[in-house]
Every structure is written in structure tokens, then in C-alpha cells.
């Protein structure tokens, strides 16, 4: 490949520097992609091995709300393979969670050379914020949302029917709830991304507050598995607070909408 010459403009030289000194060929890109996929597979295998050793502890944590909030309910399995397959589903989920940092890191290392220096300064804090926000959302769901949901659902009208819950159904129910509440906690970062590209402003977000309140309670009704207003409020109120945090971030770090066209233009290597 040709070396960098002295007559290149500063912008061209900076482009060469942040992609590693010279453009990579398609074959080199594919070779790097293969190497990073191999590392991701190895990370997944390691995560599965660790998760398999602690799957019983993971399952005990997931079913604890049932034992604490619905003492008359029993978790059962109704087919020979149900308990076995549920164990391996939890093990696979735990392995994916443990391997996720490896996936994200390898993805970043693959795409970072193609980003501008300004984009590089943002990508690492944003990725860290995604992890932290999702973790906070999962913790919130486990300690605040899941217990009242289990208490309401498994203690409702027990004079007529006793709760005998299939272990597979309960694990799917609990993990879906934890996942979607975790996703809703990414709202401030989503708003920040829109504001950074000039697609929205903090002033416009504040003007939508009436519609946002209705939308948050609607989303809470979809995410939460119970029809009672208490559980929905426990999800909707934090979402409104997250929206306000996003509005604050939009005011602090957002850009004007008229600059949108200029911001969306990418420098080409």
C-alpha cells in the first residue's frame, strides 16, 4: 500500500492517523472480523462454563420472590424435560450476560478505527452508560417491580384456585420483566443521542410533557405483567424521572436542530 505523502492536507493526515496509518483492504477487514468473532466465541464458552457452575444460584435468586411473596404457591414442572431445559436456558442466559463485555469490547475495537476523534470521545462513555443504566434497571425491576407483581398475581383469588406455576413459565415471565424494565432505563441515553445529532432539543422535549405522561403510563401498562395501578405506577414514575434526566442532558449536551445536516455528515477515510 502507498505510504502517506507530505503534500496531504491536515484533514487527510488526521484521517490516516485514526485508522491506523493506512487504509485496510477488504481482506484485512474480514481477517480482523474473523479473529474478533473467534474471541467472542471463546468468551461465550468461558461465560457458559462459569454460568453452568452457578445456575442453581441464579435460579434461586429468580424464584426467591415467589417464596417470599406467595407462600402458598408452588413451582412445578409438568414434563420430564421441562426442569432440565429451564436449567439450561438460565445457564445460557447467564453465559450471554457474562460474555457481553467481551462482545461489546470486540465490537468497539472493530469499529473505533473508522470513527472520527470526536466520535471516539463519545462512544466509550455512552457504552459504559448503557451498561450502567441497564444494570440499574434490572436491579430496580428485581427489587421494586417483580415482588409486588408476584404478590398480586399469585395471591389473587386463591380461595378459588391455588397457584401451581410451571417453572419454565415463571422463569420466562421474570426474565422478560427484568429485561424490558432494564431497556426502559436506557431512555436518557436515547434522548442524549438524538440531542447530540440535533434531531431534538430540550425545549421541544419539555413542550411534550402532557403526551409523555400518558405515553409513560401506557408503556408501563405494557411492560408490567399486572393490571393493578400500583405496579404500573412503580414503573411509570421512574420512567418520567428518566425522561427528565434525558431532557437535562439534552439541554447540557444537545445541539441546535438547524445544524442537523452538518452533524450527520461523516468524514470519509
Protein backbone atom coordinates (compact mmCIF):
# COMPACT_ATOMS: atom_id res chain seq x y z
CA UNK A 1 0.00 0.00 0.00
CA UNK A 2 1.18 3.58 -0.62
CA UNK A 3 2.64 5.48 2.30
CA UNK A 4 1.34 8.82 3.49
CA UNK A 5 2.91 11.64 1.44
CA UNK A 6 3.94 15.07 2.70
CA UNK A 7 1.58 17.01 0.40
CA UNK A 8 -1.61 15.73 2.02
CA UNK A 9 -3.90 18.17 3.76
CA UNK A 10 -4.16 18.12 7.58
CA UNK A 11 -7.66 16.66 7.40
CA UNK A 12 -6.46 13.79 5.22
CA UNK A 13 -3.49 13.18 7.52
CA UNK A 14 -5.72 13.04 10.58
CA UNK A 15 -7.96 10.58 8.81
CA UNK A 16 -4.96 8.34 8.11
CA UNK A 17 -3.83 8.56 11.73
CA UNK A 18 -7.08 7.49 13.31
CA UNK A 19 -7.47 4.46 11.03
CA UNK A 20 -4.03 3.19 11.94
CA UNK A 21 -1.72 4.87 9.42
CA UNK A 22 -3.10 3.37 6.22
CA UNK A 23 -6.41 2.12 4.81
CA UNK A 24 -7.18 -1.55 5.34
CA UNK A 25 -8.14 -3.78 2.45
CA UNK A 26 -11.39 -5.75 2.44
CA UNK A 27 -9.42 -8.96 3.06
CA UNK A 28 -7.76 -7.42 6.11
CA UNK A 29 -11.13 -6.30 7.42
CA UNK A 30 -12.51 -9.83 7.01
CA UNK A 31 -9.48 -11.34 8.72
CA UNK A 32 -9.85 -8.97 11.66
CA UNK A 33 -13.58 -9.70 11.83
CA UNK A 34 -12.88 -13.44 11.91
CA UNK A 35 -10.37 -13.01 14.74
CA UNK A 36 -12.78 -10.95 16.80
CA UNK A 37 -15.62 -13.42 16.21
CA UNK A 38 -13.34 -16.23 17.43
CA UNK A 39 -12.58 -14.23 20.57
CA UNK A 40 -16.31 -13.64 21.09
CA UNK A 41 -16.99 -17.37 20.76
CA UNK A 42 -14.26 -18.14 23.28
CA UNK A 43 -15.72 -15.55 25.63
CA UNK A 44 -19.15 -17.13 25.28
CA UNK A 45 -17.75 -20.60 26.04
CA UNK A 46 -15.99 -19.24 29.14
CA UNK A 47 -19.18 -17.46 30.21
CA UNK A 48 -21.22 -20.65 29.75
CA UNK A 49 -18.77 -22.67 31.83
CA UNK A 50 -18.92 -20.16 34.68
CA UNK A 51 -22.68 -19.78 34.38
CA UNK A 52 -23.23 -23.54 34.38
CA UNK A 53 -21.41 -23.81 37.71
CA UNK A 54 -23.70 -21.18 39.30
CA UNK A 55 -27.01 -21.81 37.52
CA UNK A 56 -28.68 -23.18 40.64
CA UNK A 57 -27.79 -19.98 42.49
CA UNK A 58 -29.15 -17.90 39.58
CA UNK A 59 -32.42 -19.83 39.65
CA UNK A 60 -32.71 -19.45 43.42
CA UNK A 61 -32.38 -15.69 43.04
CA UNK A 62 -35.07 -15.60 40.33
CA UNK A 63 -37.58 -17.72 42.28
CA UNK A 64 -36.97 -16.01 45.65
CA UNK A 65 -39.86 -13.52 45.16
CA UNK A 66 -42.25 -16.47 44.83
CA UNK A 67 -41.13 -17.98 48.14
CA UNK A 68 -41.21 -14.61 49.90
CA UNK A 69 -44.39 -13.06 48.45
CA UNK A 70 -46.57 -16.09 47.64
CA UNK A 71 -46.01 -18.73 50.29
CA UNK A 72 -48.98 -20.82 49.12
CA UNK A 73 -47.72 -21.01 45.54
CA UNK A 74 -45.65 -23.92 44.26
CA UNK A 75 -43.27 -24.04 41.33
CA UNK A 76 -43.66 -27.31 39.44
CA UNK A 77 -42.69 -28.97 36.18
CA UNK A 78 -45.20 -30.99 34.16
CA UNK A 79 -42.98 -32.76 31.67
CA UNK A 80 -39.78 -34.80 32.11
CA UNK A 81 -37.68 -32.27 30.17
CA UNK A 82 -39.14 -29.01 31.48
CA UNK A 83 -36.93 -28.62 34.55
CA UNK A 84 -33.90 -29.76 32.56
CA UNK A 85 -34.48 -27.34 29.67
CA UNK A 86 -35.24 -24.46 32.05
CA UNK A 87 -31.92 -25.09 33.81
CA UNK A 88 -30.04 -24.84 30.53
CA UNK A 89 -31.99 -21.76 29.42
CA UNK A 90 -30.93 -19.97 32.60
CA UNK A 91 -27.38 -21.24 32.12
CA UNK A 92 -27.32 -19.90 28.55
CA UNK A 93 -28.76 -16.57 29.65
CA UNK A 94 -26.14 -16.27 32.37
CA UNK A 95 -23.38 -17.15 29.89
CA UNK A 96 -24.57 -14.47 27.47
CA UNK A 97 -24.63 -11.89 30.26
CA UNK A 98 -21.12 -12.80 31.40
CA UNK A 99 -19.81 -12.75 27.83
CA UNK A 100 -21.49 -9.45 26.93
CA UNK A 101 -18.49 -7.28 27.93
CA UNK A 102 -16.32 -9.35 25.56
CA UNK A 103 -18.85 -8.90 22.73
CA UNK A 104 -19.07 -5.15 23.27
CA UNK A 105 -15.31 -4.68 23.60
CA UNK A 106 -14.55 -6.62 20.43
CA UNK A 107 -17.23 -4.70 18.55
CA UNK A 108 -15.76 -1.41 19.73
CA UNK A 109 -12.25 -2.43 18.73
CA UNK A 110 -13.55 -3.30 15.26
CA UNK A 111 -15.46 -0.06 14.63
CA UNK A 112 -13.35 2.51 16.52
CA UNK A 113 -10.71 2.92 13.76
CA UNK A 114 -13.44 4.12 11.42
CA UNK A 115 -14.70 6.83 13.76
CA UNK A 116 -13.58 10.42 13.97
CA UNK A 117 -11.71 11.61 17.10
CA UNK A 118 -14.82 13.49 18.23
CA UNK A 119 -16.95 10.33 17.89
CA UNK A 120 -14.35 8.31 19.78
CA UNK A 121 -14.61 10.65 22.75
CA UNK A 122 -18.34 9.93 22.97
CA UNK A 123 -18.58 6.24 22.20
CA UNK A 124 -16.83 4.85 25.31
CA UNK A 125 -18.82 6.94 27.86
CA UNK A 126 -22.04 6.11 26.03
CA UNK A 127 -21.32 2.36 26.05
CA UNK A 128 -20.42 2.50 29.74
CA UNK A 129 -23.63 4.42 30.38
CA UNK A 130 -25.65 1.78 28.54
CA UNK A 131 -24.25 -0.97 30.76
CA UNK A 132 -24.79 1.01 33.96
CA UNK A 133 -28.31 2.12 33.02
CA UNK A 134 -29.39 -1.39 32.06
CA UNK A 135 -27.93 -2.84 35.28
CA UNK A 136 -29.73 -0.23 37.38
CA UNK A 137 -32.96 -1.01 35.53
CA UNK A 138 -32.63 -4.76 36.16
CA UNK A 139 -31.88 -4.18 39.85
CA UNK A 140 -34.85 -1.84 40.11
CA UNK A 141 -37.12 -4.37 38.42
CA UNK A 142 -35.96 -7.22 40.70
CA UNK A 143 -36.36 -5.36 43.99
CA UNK A 144 -39.20 -2.94 43.21
CA UNK A 145 -41.33 -4.25 40.34
CA UNK A 146 -41.12 -8.05 40.47
CA UNK A 147 -42.11 -8.61 44.15
CA UNK A 148 -45.45 -6.73 44.01
CA UNK A 149 -46.20 -8.30 40.62
CA UNK A 150 -45.64 -11.79 42.04
CA UNK A 151 -47.62 -10.98 45.18
CA UNK A 152 -50.59 -9.71 43.17
CA UNK A 153 -50.66 -12.45 40.56
CA UNK A 154 -50.02 -15.48 42.78
CA UNK A 155 -52.21 -14.39 45.70
CA UNK A 156 -55.17 -13.24 43.63
CA UNK A 157 -58.40 -15.18 44.29
CA UNK A 158 -56.56 -18.11 45.90
CA UNK A 159 -59.80 -19.19 47.62
CA UNK A 160 -60.94 -20.47 44.24
CA UNK A 161 -57.70 -21.86 42.83
CA UNK A 162 -54.24 -22.47 44.25
CA UNK A 163 -51.18 -21.39 42.33
CA UNK A 164 -49.20 -24.25 40.78
CA UNK A 165 -46.81 -22.46 38.42
CA UNK A 166 -44.67 -24.21 35.84
CA UNK A 167 -41.03 -23.37 36.45
CA UNK A 168 -40.42 -22.63 32.77
CA UNK A 169 -43.33 -20.18 32.59
CA UNK A 170 -42.23 -18.35 35.72
CA UNK A 171 -38.59 -18.01 34.61
CA UNK A 172 -39.71 -16.65 31.23
CA UNK A 173 -42.06 -14.21 32.96
CA UNK A 174 -39.38 -12.97 35.38
CA UNK A 175 -36.59 -12.60 32.81
CA UNK A 176 -38.84 -10.75 30.36
CA UNK A 177 -39.86 -8.30 33.06
CA UNK A 178 -36.25 -7.71 34.15
CA UNK A 179 -35.12 -7.25 30.54
CA UNK A 180 -37.77 -4.75 29.45
CA UNK A 181 -37.52 -2.64 32.57
CA UNK A 182 -33.76 -2.61 32.04
CA UNK A 183 -34.32 -1.43 28.47
CA UNK A 184 -36.59 1.42 29.61
CA UNK A 185 -33.76 2.73 31.79
CA UNK A 186 -31.81 3.44 28.58
CA UNK A 187 -34.21 6.33 27.85
CA UNK A 188 -31.86 9.18 28.94
CA UNK A 189 -29.08 7.90 26.68
CA UNK A 190 -31.50 7.57 23.77
CA UNK A 191 -32.62 11.17 24.26
CA UNK A 192 -28.99 12.28 24.57
CA UNK A 193 -28.11 10.61 21.27
CA UNK A 194 -31.00 12.37 19.49
CA UNK A 195 -29.99 15.69 21.03
CA UNK A 196 -26.33 15.29 20.07
CA UNK A 197 -27.31 14.83 16.42
CA UNK A 198 -29.57 17.86 16.58
CA UNK A 199 -32.72 15.84 15.97
CA UNK A 200 -34.44 17.14 19.12
CA UNK A 201 -33.97 19.89 21.68
CA UNK A 202 -34.58 20.12 25.41
CA UNK A 203 -37.12 22.90 24.87
CA UNK A 204 -39.13 20.73 22.47
CA UNK A 205 -38.99 17.77 24.88
CA UNK A 206 -40.38 19.91 27.70
CA UNK A 207 -43.23 21.07 25.48
CA UNK A 208 -44.35 17.44 25.09
CA UNK A 209 -44.74 16.80 28.84
CA UNK A 210 -48.50 16.12 28.70
CA UNK A 211 -48.15 13.50 25.99
CA UNK A 212 -45.11 12.00 27.74
CA UNK A 213 -47.05 11.34 30.95
CA UNK A 214 -49.74 9.46 29.04
CA UNK A 215 -47.14 7.57 26.99
CA UNK A 216 -45.13 6.54 30.08
CA UNK A 217 -48.17 5.07 31.81
CA UNK A 218 -49.13 3.31 28.58
CA UNK A 219 -45.63 1.80 28.27
CA UNK A 220 -45.71 0.84 31.95
CA UNK A 221 -49.02 -0.94 31.40
CA UNK A 222 -47.44 -2.92 28.54
CA UNK A 223 -44.18 -3.72 30.32
CA UNK A 224 -45.64 -4.71 33.69
CA UNK A 225 -47.45 -8.05 33.72
CA UNK A 226 -50.12 -7.00 36.25
CA UNK A 227 -53.20 -4.83 35.73
CA UNK A 228 -53.03 -3.17 39.16
CA UNK A 229 -52.25 0.57 39.11
CA UNK A 230 -49.67 0.33 41.91
CA UNK A 231 -47.21 -1.78 39.93
CA UNK A 232 -47.72 0.34 36.82
CA UNK A 233 -47.06 3.49 38.85
CA UNK A 234 -43.86 1.96 40.26
CA UNK A 235 -42.62 1.66 36.67
CA UNK A 236 -44.13 4.84 35.18
CA UNK A 237 -42.82 7.28 37.80
CA UNK A 238 -39.13 6.24 37.40
CA UNK A 239 -39.60 6.43 33.62
CA UNK A 240 -40.82 10.01 33.98
CA UNK A 241 -37.78 10.80 36.11
CA UNK A 242 -35.56 9.21 33.46
CA UNK A 243 -37.26 11.34 30.82
CA UNK A 244 -36.49 14.47 32.84
CA UNK A 245 -32.87 13.34 33.16
CA UNK A 246 -32.82 12.95 29.38
CA UNK A 247 -34.24 16.46 28.99
CA UNK A 248 -31.50 17.81 31.26
CA UNK A 249 -28.85 16.01 29.19
CA UNK A 250 -30.40 17.44 26.03
CA UNK A 251 -30.07 20.97 27.44
CA UNK A 252 -26.48 20.36 28.54
CA UNK A 253 -25.08 18.44 25.58
CA UNK A 254 -27.60 18.83 22.76
CA UNK A 255 -27.13 20.84 19.58
CA UNK A 256 -29.43 23.04 17.59
CA UNK A 257 -31.72 21.45 15.02
CA UNK A 258 -30.51 23.79 12.20
CA UNK A 259 -27.08 22.14 12.46
CA UNK A 260 -28.51 18.70 11.85
CA UNK A 261 -27.34 18.40 8.24
CA UNK A 262 -23.78 19.35 9.15
CA UNK A 263 -23.68 16.94 12.11
CA UNK A 264 -24.84 13.98 10.12
CA UNK A 265 -22.08 14.30 7.53
CA UNK A 266 -19.39 11.69 8.13
CA UNK A 267 -15.76 12.18 7.22
CA UNK A 268 -14.65 9.57 4.79
CA UNK A 269 -11.22 7.88 5.14
